[in-house]
Amino acid sequence: MKLMISRFIAILLLVIPGLAATYGFLLMKDALFNYFSDHGNTGISPDFTWLPFLGGLVLFAFGIVFIGGWTFYRDRKRNYVAPRFKKKRARSQG
């Protein structure tokens, strides 16, 4: 039972940043789409919504960095990474 709970928590730790990255991407996409679609309307002056765009950028970056770091840490622990990314061993003095 304890293993099942720990695996569920591990899945949640990956799903929540993934959802945050997805929502951030959607915020950025909507801000860009609304700005460019307003250019076709001659009755209004198009303005760019910076706050949703920057909030989306932060959410997207957080999610991608978290998932990338998680994957890199796991691969480094299992020796799946290139030699330049492996942990450095301490040299013995003498």
PDB file of N, CA and C in Angstrom:
ATOM      1  N   MET A   1       0.826  -1.194   0.000  1.00  0.00           N
ATOM      2  CA  MET A   1       0.000   0.000   0.000  1.00  0.00           C
ATOM      3  C   MET A   1       0.872   1.261   0.000  1.00  0.00           C
ATOM      4  N   LYS A   2       1.982   1.208   0.769  1.00  0.00           N
ATOM      5  CA  LYS A   2       2.853   2.371   0.853  1.00  0.00           C
ATOM      6  C   LYS A   2       3.520   2.651  -0.490  1.00  0.00           C
ATOM      7  N   LEU A   3       3.890   1.608  -1.232  1.00  0.00           N
ATOM      8  CA  LEU A   3       4.498   1.769  -2.541  1.00  0.00           C
ATOM      9  C   LEU A   3       3.507   2.395  -3.521  1.00  0.00           C
ATOM     10  N   MET A   4       2.242   1.984  -3.436  1.00  0.00           N
ATOM     11  CA  MET A   4       1.227   2.535  -4.328  1.00  0.00           C
ATOM     12  C   MET A   4       1.011   4.029  -4.057  1.00  0.00           C
ATOM     13  N   ILE A   5       1.012   4.416  -2.811  1.00  0.00           N
ATOM     14  CA  ILE A   5       0.829   5.829  -2.464  1.00  0.00           C
ATOM     15  C   ILE A   5       2.026   6.649  -2.924  1.00  0.00           C
ATOM     16  N   SER A   6       3.229   6.117  -2.750  1.00  0.00           N
ATOM     17  CA  SER A   6       4.416   6.869  -3.175  1.00  0.00           C
ATOM     18  C   SER A   6       4.464   6.996  -4.693  1.00  0.00           C
ATOM     19  N   ARG A   7       4.032   5.984  -5.423  1.00  0.00           N
ATOM     20  CA  ARG A   7       3.991   6.096  -6.887  1.00  0.00           C
ATOM     21  C   ARG A   7       2.911   7.076  -7.342  1.00  0.00           C
ATOM     22  N   PHE A   8       1.799   7.122  -6.642  1.00  0.00           N
ATOM     23  CA  PHE A   8       0.752   8.080  -6.964  1.00  0.00           C
ATOM     24  C   PHE A   8       1.236   9.512  -6.740  1.00  0.00           C
ATOM     25  N   ILE A   9       1.960   9.719  -5.657  1.00  0.00           N
ATOM     26  CA  ILE A   9       2.527  11.049  -5.388  1.00  0.00           C
ATOM     27  C   ILE A   9       3.551  11.407  -6.460  1.00  0.00           C
ATOM     28  N   ALA A  10       4.356  10.446  -6.890  1.00  0.00           N
ATOM     29  CA  ALA A  10       5.341  10.704  -7.942  1.00  0.00           C
ATOM     30  C   ALA A  10       4.653  11.069  -9.256  1.00  0.00           C
ATOM     31  N   ILE A  11       3.567  10.419  -9.571  1.00  0.00           N
ATOM     32  CA  ILE A  11       2.830  10.751 -10.800  1.00  0.00           C
ATOM     33  C   ILE A  11       2.229  12.147 -10.686  1.00  0.00           C
ATOM     34  N   LEU A  12       1.700  12.479  -9.516  1.00  0.00           N
ATOM     35  CA  LEU A  12       1.157  13.831  -9.317  1.00  0.00           C
ATOM     36  C   LEU A  12       2.247  14.891  -9.445  1.00  0.00           C
ATOM     37  N   LEU A  13       3.453  14.574  -8.989  1.00  0.00           N
ATOM     38  CA  LEU A  13       4.560  15.521  -9.105  1.00  0.00           C
ATOM     39  C   LEU A  13       4.941  15.771 -10.560  1.00  0.00           C
ATOM     40  N   LEU A  14       4.606  14.868 -11.448  1.00  0.00           N
ATOM     41  CA  LEU A  14       4.872  15.090 -12.865  1.00  0.00           C
ATOM     42  C   LEU A  14       3.657  15.662 -13.593  1.00  0.00           C
ATOM     43  N   VAL A  15       2.475  15.312 -13.163  1.00  0.00           N
ATOM     44  CA  VAL A  15       1.265  15.770 -13.851  1.00  0.00           C
ATOM     45  C   VAL A  15       0.986  17.249 -13.569  1.00  0.00           C
ATOM     46  N   ILE A  16       1.172  17.686 -12.350  1.00  0.00           N
ATOM     47  CA  ILE A  16       0.863  19.078 -11.996  1.00  0.00           C
ATOM     48  C   ILE A  16       1.747  20.061 -12.771  1.00  0.00           C
ATOM     49  N   PRO A  17       3.073  19.884 -12.838  1.00  0.00           N
ATOM     50  CA  PRO A  17       3.858  20.798 -13.681  1.00  0.00           C
ATOM     51  C   PRO A  17       3.528  20.662 -15.168  1.00  0.00           C
ATOM     52  N   GLY A  18       3.145  19.472 -15.597  1.00  0.00           N
ATOM     53  CA  GLY A  18       2.736  19.299 -16.993  1.00  0.00           C
ATOM     54  C   GLY A  18       1.469  20.077 -17.310  1.00  0.00           C
ATOM     55  N   LEU A  19       0.522  20.062 -16.397  1.00  0.00           N
ATOM     56  CA  LEU A  19      -0.699  20.841 -16.587  1.00  0.00           C
ATOM     57  C   LEU A  19      -0.414  22.337 -16.526  1.00  0.00           C
ATOM     58  N   ALA A  20       0.504  22.734 -15.640  1.00  0.00           N
ATOM     59  CA  ALA A  20       0.875  24.149 -15.557  1.00  0.00           C
ATOM     60  C   ALA A  20       1.529  24.608 -16.853  1.00  0.00           C
ATOM     61  N   ALA A  21       2.406  23.767 -17.421  1.00  0.00           N
ATOM     62  CA  ALA A  21       3.054  24.116 -18.690  1.00  0.00           C
ATOM     63  C   ALA A  21       2.034  24.196 -19.819  1.00  0.00           C
ATOM     64  N   THR A  22       1.083  23.297 -19.827  1.00  0.00           N
ATOM     65  CA  THR A  22       0.048  23.320 -20.849  1.00  0.00           C
ATOM     66  C   THR A  22      -0.814  24.573 -20.732  1.00  0.00           C
ATOM     67  N   TYR A  23      -1.209  24.916 -19.525  1.00  0.00           N
ATOM     68  CA  TYR A  23      -2.030  26.107 -19.320  1.00  0.00           C
ATOM     69  C   TYR A  23      -1.251  27.374 -19.680  1.00  0.00           C
ATOM     70  N   GLY A  24       0.030  27.405 -19.335  1.00  0.00           N
ATOM     71  CA  GLY A  24       0.863  28.542 -19.700  1.00  0.00           C
ATOM     72  C   GLY A  24       0.984  28.702 -21.203  1.00  0.00           C
ATOM     73  N   PHE A  25       1.136  27.577 -21.911  1.00  0.00           N
ATOM     74  CA  PHE A  25       1.192  27.630 -23.367  1.00  0.00           C
ATOM     75  C   PHE A  25      -0.114  28.169 -23.942  1.00  0.00           C
ATOM     76  N   LEU A  26      -1.228  27.738 -23.372  1.00  0.00           N
ATOM     77  CA  LEU A  26      -2.528  28.221 -23.851  1.00  0.00           C
ATOM     78  C   LEU A  26      -2.703  29.719 -23.594  1.00  0.00           C
ATOM     79  N   LEU A  27      -2.231  30.207 -22.454  1.00  0.00           N
ATOM     80  CA  LEU A  27      -2.308  31.644 -22.176  1.00  0.00           C
ATOM     81  C   LEU A  27      -1.489  32.445 -23.180  1.00  0.00           C
ATOM     82  N   MET A  28      -0.286  31.971 -23.480  1.00  0.00           N
ATOM     83  CA  MET A  28       0.557  32.671 -24.457  1.00  0.00           C
ATOM     84  C   MET A  28      -0.068  32.629 -25.846  1.00  0.00           C
ATOM     85  N   LYS A  29      -0.606  31.477 -26.214  1.00  0.00           N
ATOM     86  CA  LYS A  29      -1.231  31.320 -27.529  1.00  0.00           C
ATOM     87  C   LYS A  29      -2.435  32.238 -27.671  1.00  0.00           C
ATOM     88  N   ASP A  30      -3.272  32.301 -26.641  1.00  0.00           N
ATOM     89  CA  ASP A  30      -4.452  33.163 -26.689  1.00  0.00           C
ATOM     90  C   ASP A  30      -4.080  34.644 -26.769  1.00  0.00           C
ATOM     91  N   ALA A  31      -3.043  35.049 -26.031  1.00  0.00           N
ATOM     92  CA  ALA A  31      -2.620  36.455 -26.075  1.00  0.00           C
ATOM     93  C   ALA A  31      -2.138  36.820 -27.474  1.00  0.00           C
ATOM     94  N   LEU A  32      -1.347  35.948 -28.076  1.00  0.00           N
ATOM     95  CA  LEU A  32      -0.859  36.214 -29.434  1.00  0.00           C
ATOM     96  C   LEU A  32      -1.992  36.186 -30.453  1.00  0.00           C
ATOM     97  N   PHE A  33      -2.889  35.214 -30.327  1.00  0.00           N
ATOM     98  CA  PHE A  33      -3.990  35.108 -31.279  1.00  0.00           C
ATOM     99  C   PHE A  33      -4.900  36.330 -31.204  1.00  0.00           C
ATOM    100  N   ASN A  34      -5.247  36.748 -29.998  1.00  0.00           N
ATOM    101  CA  ASN A  34      -6.120  37.924 -29.856  1.00  0.00           C
ATOM    102  C   ASN A  34      -5.466  39.180 -30.407  1.00  0.00           C
ATOM    103  N   TYR A  35      -4.167  39.320 -30.220  1.00  0.00           N
ATOM    104  CA  TYR A  35      -3.470  40.503 -30.734  1.00  0.00           C
ATOM    105  C   TYR A  35      -3.491  40.513 -32.265  1.00  0.00           C
ATOM    106  N   PHE A  36      -3.156  39.376 -32.880  1.00  0.00           N
ATOM    107  CA  PHE A  36      -3.104  39.342 -34.341  1.00  0.00           C
ATOM    108  C   PHE A  36      -4.485  39.355 -34.975  1.00  0.00           C
ATOM    109  N   SER A  37      -5.478  38.784 -34.308  1.00  0.00           N
ATOM    110  CA  SER A  37      -6.826  38.809 -34.871  1.00  0.00           C
ATOM    111  C   SER A  37      -7.450  40.199 -34.777  1.00  0.00           C
ATOM    112  N   ASP A  38      -7.038  41.007 -33.813  1.00  0.00           N
ATOM    113  CA  ASP A  38      -7.537  42.378 -33.706  1.00  0.00           C
ATOM    114  C   ASP A  38      -6.996  43.279 -34.809  1.00  0.00           C
ATOM    115  N   HIS A  39      -5.926  42.885 -35.455  1.00  0.00           N
ATOM    116  CA  HIS A  39      -5.388  43.694 -36.556  1.00  0.00           C
ATOM    117  C   HIS A  39      -6.346  43.735 -37.749  1.00  0.00           C
ATOM    118  N   GLY A  40      -7.173  42.727 -37.909  1.00  0.00           N
ATOM    119  CA  GLY A  40      -8.122  42.705 -39.015  1.00  0.00           C
ATOM    120  C   GLY A  40      -9.351  43.559 -38.770  1.00  0.00           C
ATOM    121  N   ASN A  41      -9.587  43.954 -37.536  1.00  0.00           N
ATOM    122  CA  ASN A  41     -10.747  44.768 -37.179  1.00  0.00           C
ATOM    123  C   ASN A  41     -10.349  46.250 -37.225  1.00  0.00           C
ATOM    124  N   THR A  42     -10.964  47.003 -38.124  1.00  0.00           N
ATOM    125  CA  THR A  42     -10.607  48.412 -38.265  1.00  0.00           C
ATOM    126  C   THR A  42     -11.274  49.297 -37.214  1.00  0.00           C
ATOM    127  N   GLY A  43     -12.239  48.775 -36.478  1.00  0.00           N
ATOM    128  CA  GLY A  43     -12.965  49.585 -35.506  1.00  0.00           C
ATOM    129  C   GLY A  43     -12.233  49.764 -34.187  1.00  0.00           C
ATOM    130  N   ILE A  44     -11.220  48.942 -33.916  1.00  0.00           N
ATOM    131  CA  ILE A  44     -10.520  49.042 -32.631  1.00  0.00           C
ATOM    132  C   ILE A  44      -9.018  49.131 -32.871  1.00  0.00           C
ATOM    133  N   SER A  45      -8.325  49.574 -31.878  1.00  0.00           N
ATOM    134  CA  SER A  45      -6.869  49.621 -31.904  1.00  0.00           C
ATOM    135  C   SER A  45      -6.350  48.385 -31.167  1.00  0.00           C
ATOM    136  N   PRO A  46      -5.556  47.531 -31.826  1.00  0.00           N
ATOM    137  CA  PRO A  46      -5.093  46.304 -31.156  1.00  0.00           C
ATOM    138  C   PRO A  46      -4.090  46.617 -30.044  1.00  0.00           C
ATOM    139  N   ASP A  47      -4.267  45.978 -28.916  1.00  0.00           N
ATOM    140  CA  ASP A  47      -3.310  46.102 -27.827  1.00  0.00           C
ATOM    141  C   ASP A  47      -2.929  44.699 -27.365  1.00  0.00           C
ATOM    142  N   PHE A  48      -1.688  44.576 -26.971  1.00  0.00           N
ATOM    143  CA  PHE A  48      -1.171  43.276 -26.559  1.00  0.00           C
ATOM    144  C   PHE A  48      -1.370  43.111 -25.060  1.00  0.00           C
ATOM    145  N   THR A  49      -1.909  41.973 -24.642  1.00  0.00           N
ATOM    146  CA  THR A  49      -2.128  41.697 -23.219  1.00  0.00           C
ATOM    147  C   THR A  49      -0.858  41.064 -22.642  1.00  0.00           C
ATOM    148  N   TRP A  50      -0.050  41.917 -22.007  1.00  0.00           N
ATOM    149  CA  TRP A  50       1.244  41.463 -21.512  1.00  0.00           C
ATOM    150  C   TRP A  50       1.131  40.577 -20.278  1.00  0.00           C
ATOM    151  N   LEU A  51       0.213  40.878 -19.379  1.00  0.00           N
ATOM    152  CA  LEU A  51       0.136  40.124 -18.122  1.00  0.00           C
ATOM    153  C   LEU A  51      -0.196  38.644 -18.349  1.00  0.00           C
ATOM    154  N   PRO A  52      -1.227  38.306 -19.138  1.00  0.00           N
ATOM    155  CA  PRO A  52      -1.455  36.879 -19.383  1.00  0.00           C
ATOM    156  C   PRO A  52      -0.303  36.216 -20.145  1.00  0.00           C
ATOM    157  N   PHE A  53       0.305  36.965 -21.060  1.00  0.00           N
ATOM    158  CA  PHE A  53       1.410  36.384 -21.818  1.00  0.00           C
ATOM    159  C   PHE A  53       2.596  36.069 -20.907  1.00  0.00           C
ATOM    160  N   LEU A  54       2.978  37.009 -20.052  1.00  0.00           N
ATOM    161  CA  LEU A  54       4.113  36.776 -19.160  1.00  0.00           C
ATOM    162  C   LEU A  54       3.797  35.725 -18.094  1.00  0.00           C
ATOM    163  N   GLY A  55       2.555  35.722 -17.607  1.00  0.00           N
ATOM    164  CA  GLY A  55       2.148  34.664 -16.673  1.00  0.00           C
ATOM    165  C   GLY A  55       2.206  33.299 -17.320  1.00  0.00           C
ATOM    166  N   GLY A  56       1.763  33.221 -18.567  1.00  0.00           N
ATOM    167  CA  GLY A  56       1.844  31.962 -19.302  1.00  0.00           C
ATOM    168  C   GLY A  56       3.278  31.544 -19.543  1.00  0.00           C
ATOM    169  N   LEU A  57       4.142  32.518 -19.824  1.00  0.00           N
ATOM    170  CA  LEU A  57       5.557  32.210 -20.033  1.00  0.00           C
ATOM    171  C   LEU A  57       6.187  31.649 -18.768  1.00  0.00           C
ATOM    172  N   VAL A  58       5.847  32.219 -17.624  1.00  0.00           N
ATOM    173  CA  VAL A  58       6.379  31.721 -16.351  1.00  0.00           C
ATOM    174  C   VAL A  58       5.878  30.309 -16.069  1.00  0.00           C
ATOM    175  N   LEU A  59       4.576  30.079 -16.257  1.00  0.00           N
ATOM    176  CA  LEU A  59       4.028  28.734 -16.029  1.00  0.00           C
ATOM    177  C   LEU A  59       4.637  27.713 -16.979  1.00  0.00           C
ATOM    178  N   PHE A  60       4.768  28.092 -18.247  1.00  0.00           N
ATOM    179  CA  PHE A  60       5.337  27.188 -19.240  1.00  0.00           C
ATOM    180  C   PHE A  60       6.786  26.855 -18.900  1.00  0.00           C
ATOM    181  N   ALA A  61       7.568  27.875 -18.571  1.00  0.00           N
ATOM    182  CA  ALA A  61       8.974  27.652 -18.242  1.00  0.00           C
ATOM    183  C   ALA A  61       9.117  26.802 -16.978  1.00  0.00           C
ATOM    184  N   PHE A  62       8.308  27.080 -15.957  1.00  0.00           N
ATOM    185  CA  PHE A  62       8.357  26.290 -14.724  1.00  0.00           C
ATOM    186  C   PHE A  62       8.077  24.820 -15.002  1.00  0.00           C
ATOM    187  N   GLY A  63       7.024  24.546 -15.765  1.00  0.00           N
ATOM    188  CA  GLY A  63       6.668  23.160 -16.050  1.00  0.00           C
ATOM    189  C   GLY A  63       7.732  22.435 -16.848  1.00  0.00           C
ATOM    190  N   ILE A  64       8.271  23.087 -17.877  1.00  0.00           N
ATOM    191  CA  ILE A  64       9.278  22.449 -18.713  1.00  0.00           C
ATOM    192  C   ILE A  64      10.569  22.211 -17.930  1.00  0.00           C
ATOM    193  N   VAL A  65      10.991  23.198 -17.150  1.00  0.00           N
ATOM    194  CA  VAL A  65      12.228  23.051 -16.373  1.00  0.00           C
ATOM    195  C   VAL A  65      12.073  21.967 -15.311  1.00  0.00           C
ATOM    196  N   PHE A  66      10.921  21.899 -14.663  1.00  0.00           N
ATOM    197  CA  PHE A  66      10.713  20.887 -13.633  1.00  0.00           C
ATOM    198  C   PHE A  66      10.737  19.483 -14.226  1.00  0.00           C
ATOM    199  N   ILE A  67      10.018  19.277 -15.311  1.00  0.00           N
ATOM    200  CA  ILE A  67       9.975  17.943 -15.927  1.00  0.00           C
ATOM    201  C   ILE A  67      11.342  17.578 -16.507  1.00  0.00           C
ATOM    202  N   GLY A  68      12.021  18.551 -17.126  1.00  0.00           N
ATOM    203  CA  GLY A  68      13.357  18.285 -17.654  1.00  0.00           C
ATOM    204  C   GLY A  68      14.351  17.955 -16.557  1.00  0.00           C
ATOM    205  N   GLY A  69      14.294  18.673 -15.446  1.00  0.00           N
ATOM    206  CA  GLY A  69      15.180  18.392 -14.318  1.00  0.00           C
ATOM    207  C   GLY A  69      14.900  17.042 -13.692  1.00  0.00           C
ATOM    208  N   TRP A  70      13.634  16.708 -13.588  1.00  0.00           N
ATOM    209  CA  TRP A  70      13.239  15.406 -13.036  1.00  0.00           C
ATOM    210  C   TRP A  70      13.800  14.285 -13.910  1.00  0.00           C
ATOM    211  N   THR A  71      13.636  14.404 -15.218  1.00  0.00           N
ATOM    212  CA  THR A  71      14.119  13.384 -16.149  1.00  0.00           C
ATOM    213  C   THR A  71      15.639  13.302 -16.113  1.00  0.00           C
ATOM    214  N   PHE A  72      16.317  14.453 -16.097  1.00  0.00           N
ATOM    215  CA  PHE A  72      17.771  14.461 -16.057  1.00  0.00           C
ATOM    216  C   PHE A  72      18.289  13.820 -14.776  1.00  0.00           C
ATOM    217  N   TYR A  73      17.682  14.132 -13.642  1.00  0.00           N
ATOM    218  CA  TYR A  73      18.095  13.554 -12.366  1.00  0.00           C
ATOM    219  C   TYR A  73      17.929  12.036 -12.383  1.00  0.00           C
ATOM    220  N   ARG A  74      16.792  11.571 -12.901  1.00  0.00           N
ATOM    221  CA  ARG A  74      16.545  10.127 -12.955  1.00  0.00           C
ATOM    222  C   ARG A  74      17.522   9.430 -13.889  1.00  0.00           C
ATOM    223  N   ASP A  75      17.765  10.027 -15.061  1.00  0.00           N
ATOM    224  CA  ASP A  75      18.692   9.422 -16.008  1.00  0.00           C
ATOM    225  C   ASP A  75      20.121   9.449 -15.484  1.00  0.00           C
ATOM    226  N   ARG A  76      20.482  10.491 -14.761  1.00  0.00           N
ATOM    227  CA  ARG A  76      21.828  10.571 -14.189  1.00  0.00           C
ATOM    228  C   ARG A  76      22.016   9.506 -13.121  1.00  0.00           C
ATOM    229  N   LYS A  77      20.968   9.255 -12.337  1.00  0.00           N
ATOM    230  CA  LYS A  77      21.030   8.251 -11.290  1.00  0.00           C
ATOM    231  C   LYS A  77      21.190   6.843 -11.879  1.00  0.00           C
ATOM    232  N   ARG A  78      20.612   6.605 -13.051  1.00  0.00           N
ATOM    233  CA  ARG A  78      20.668   5.294 -13.700  1.00  0.00           C
ATOM    234  C   ARG A  78      21.776   5.189 -14.755  1.00  0.00           C
ATOM    235  N   ASN A  79      22.633   6.195 -14.841  1.00  0.00           N
ATOM    236  CA  ASN A  79      23.756   6.228 -15.788  1.00  0.00           C
ATOM    237  C   ASN A  79      23.304   6.144 -17.246  1.00  0.00           C
ATOM    238  N   TYR A  80      22.255   6.873 -17.595  1.00  0.00           N
ATOM    239  CA  TYR A  80      21.773   6.928 -18.972  1.00  0.00           C
ATOM    240  C   TYR A  80      22.275   8.171 -19.705  1.00  0.00           C
ATOM    241  N   VAL A  81      23.042   9.015 -19.048  1.00  0.00           N
ATOM    242  CA  VAL A  81      23.455  10.283 -19.636  1.00  0.00           C
ATOM    243  C   VAL A  81      24.840  10.153 -20.269  1.00  0.00           C
ATOM    244  N   ALA A  82      25.186  11.138 -21.070  1.00  0.00           N
ATOM    245  CA  ALA A  82      26.500  11.178 -21.701  1.00  0.00           C
ATOM    246  C   ALA A  82      27.582  11.347 -20.628  1.00  0.00           C
ATOM    247  N   PRO A  83      28.819  10.956 -20.949  1.00  0.00           N
ATOM    248  CA  PRO A  83      29.885  11.051 -19.935  1.00  0.00           C
ATOM    249  C   PRO A  83      30.105  12.452 -19.382  1.00  0.00           C
ATOM    250  N   ARG A  84      29.868  13.490 -20.174  1.00  0.00           N
ATOM    251  CA  ARG A  84      30.114  14.830 -19.660  1.00  0.00           C
ATOM    252  C   ARG A  84      29.103  15.254 -18.600  1.00  0.00           C
ATOM    253  N   PHE A  85      27.950  14.554 -18.498  1.00  0.00           N
ATOM    254  CA  PHE A  85      26.939  14.880 -17.500  1.00  0.00           C
ATOM    255  C   PHE A  85      26.998  13.984 -16.270  1.00  0.00           C
ATOM    256  N   LYS A  86      27.887  13.005 -16.266  1.00  0.00           N
ATOM    257  CA  LYS A  86      27.977  12.114 -15.111  1.00  0.00           C
ATOM    258  C   LYS A  86      28.628  12.849 -13.952  1.00  0.00           C
ATOM    259  N   LYS A  87      28.352  12.378 -12.748  1.00  0.00           N
ATOM    260  CA  LYS A  87      28.909  13.010 -11.557  1.00  0.00           C
ATOM    261  C   LYS A  87      30.419  12.858 -11.556  1.00  0.00           C
ATOM    262  N   LYS A  88      31.087  13.916 -11.139  1.00  0.00           N
ATOM    263  CA  LYS A  88      32.542  13.908 -11.065  1.00  0.00           C
ATOM    264  C   LYS A  88      32.983  13.157  -9.796  1.00  0.00           C
ATOM    265  N   ARG A  89      34.000  12.332  -9.956  1.00  0.00           N
ATOM    266  CA  ARG A  89      34.545  11.618  -8.812  1.00  0.00           C
ATOM    267  C   ARG A  89      35.677  12.432  -8.198  1.00  0.00           C
ATOM    268  N   ALA A  90      35.776  12.357  -6.900  1.00  0.00           N
ATOM    269  CA  ALA A  90      36.849  13.081  -6.206  1.00  0.00           C
ATOM    270  C   ALA A  90      38.167  12.363  -6.435  1.00  0.00           C
ATOM    271  N   ARG A  91      39.180  13.114  -6.817  1.00  0.00           N
ATOM    272  CA  ARG A  91      40.510  12.526  -7.017  1.00  0.00           C
ATOM    273  C   ARG A  91      41.199  12.375  -5.670  1.00  0.00           C
ATOM    274  N   SER A  92      41.926  11.281  -5.538  1.00  0.00           N
ATOM    275  CA  SER A  92      42.644  11.075  -4.287  1.00  0.00           C
ATOM    276  C   SER A  92      43.983  11.812  -4.336  1.00  0.00           C
ATOM    277  N   GLN A  93      44.277  12.499  -3.276  1.00  0.00           N
ATOM    278  CA  GLN A  93      45.540  13.251  -3.170  1.00  0.00           C
ATOM    279  C   GLN A  93      46.625  12.303  -2.685  1.00  0.00           C
ATOM    280  N   GLY A  94      47.764  12.322  -3.323  1.00  0.00           N
ATOM    281  CA  GLY A  94      48.807  11.476  -2.774  1.00  0.00           C
ATOM    282  C   GLY A  94      49.731  11.013  -3.733  1.00  0.00           C
TER     283      GLY A  94
END
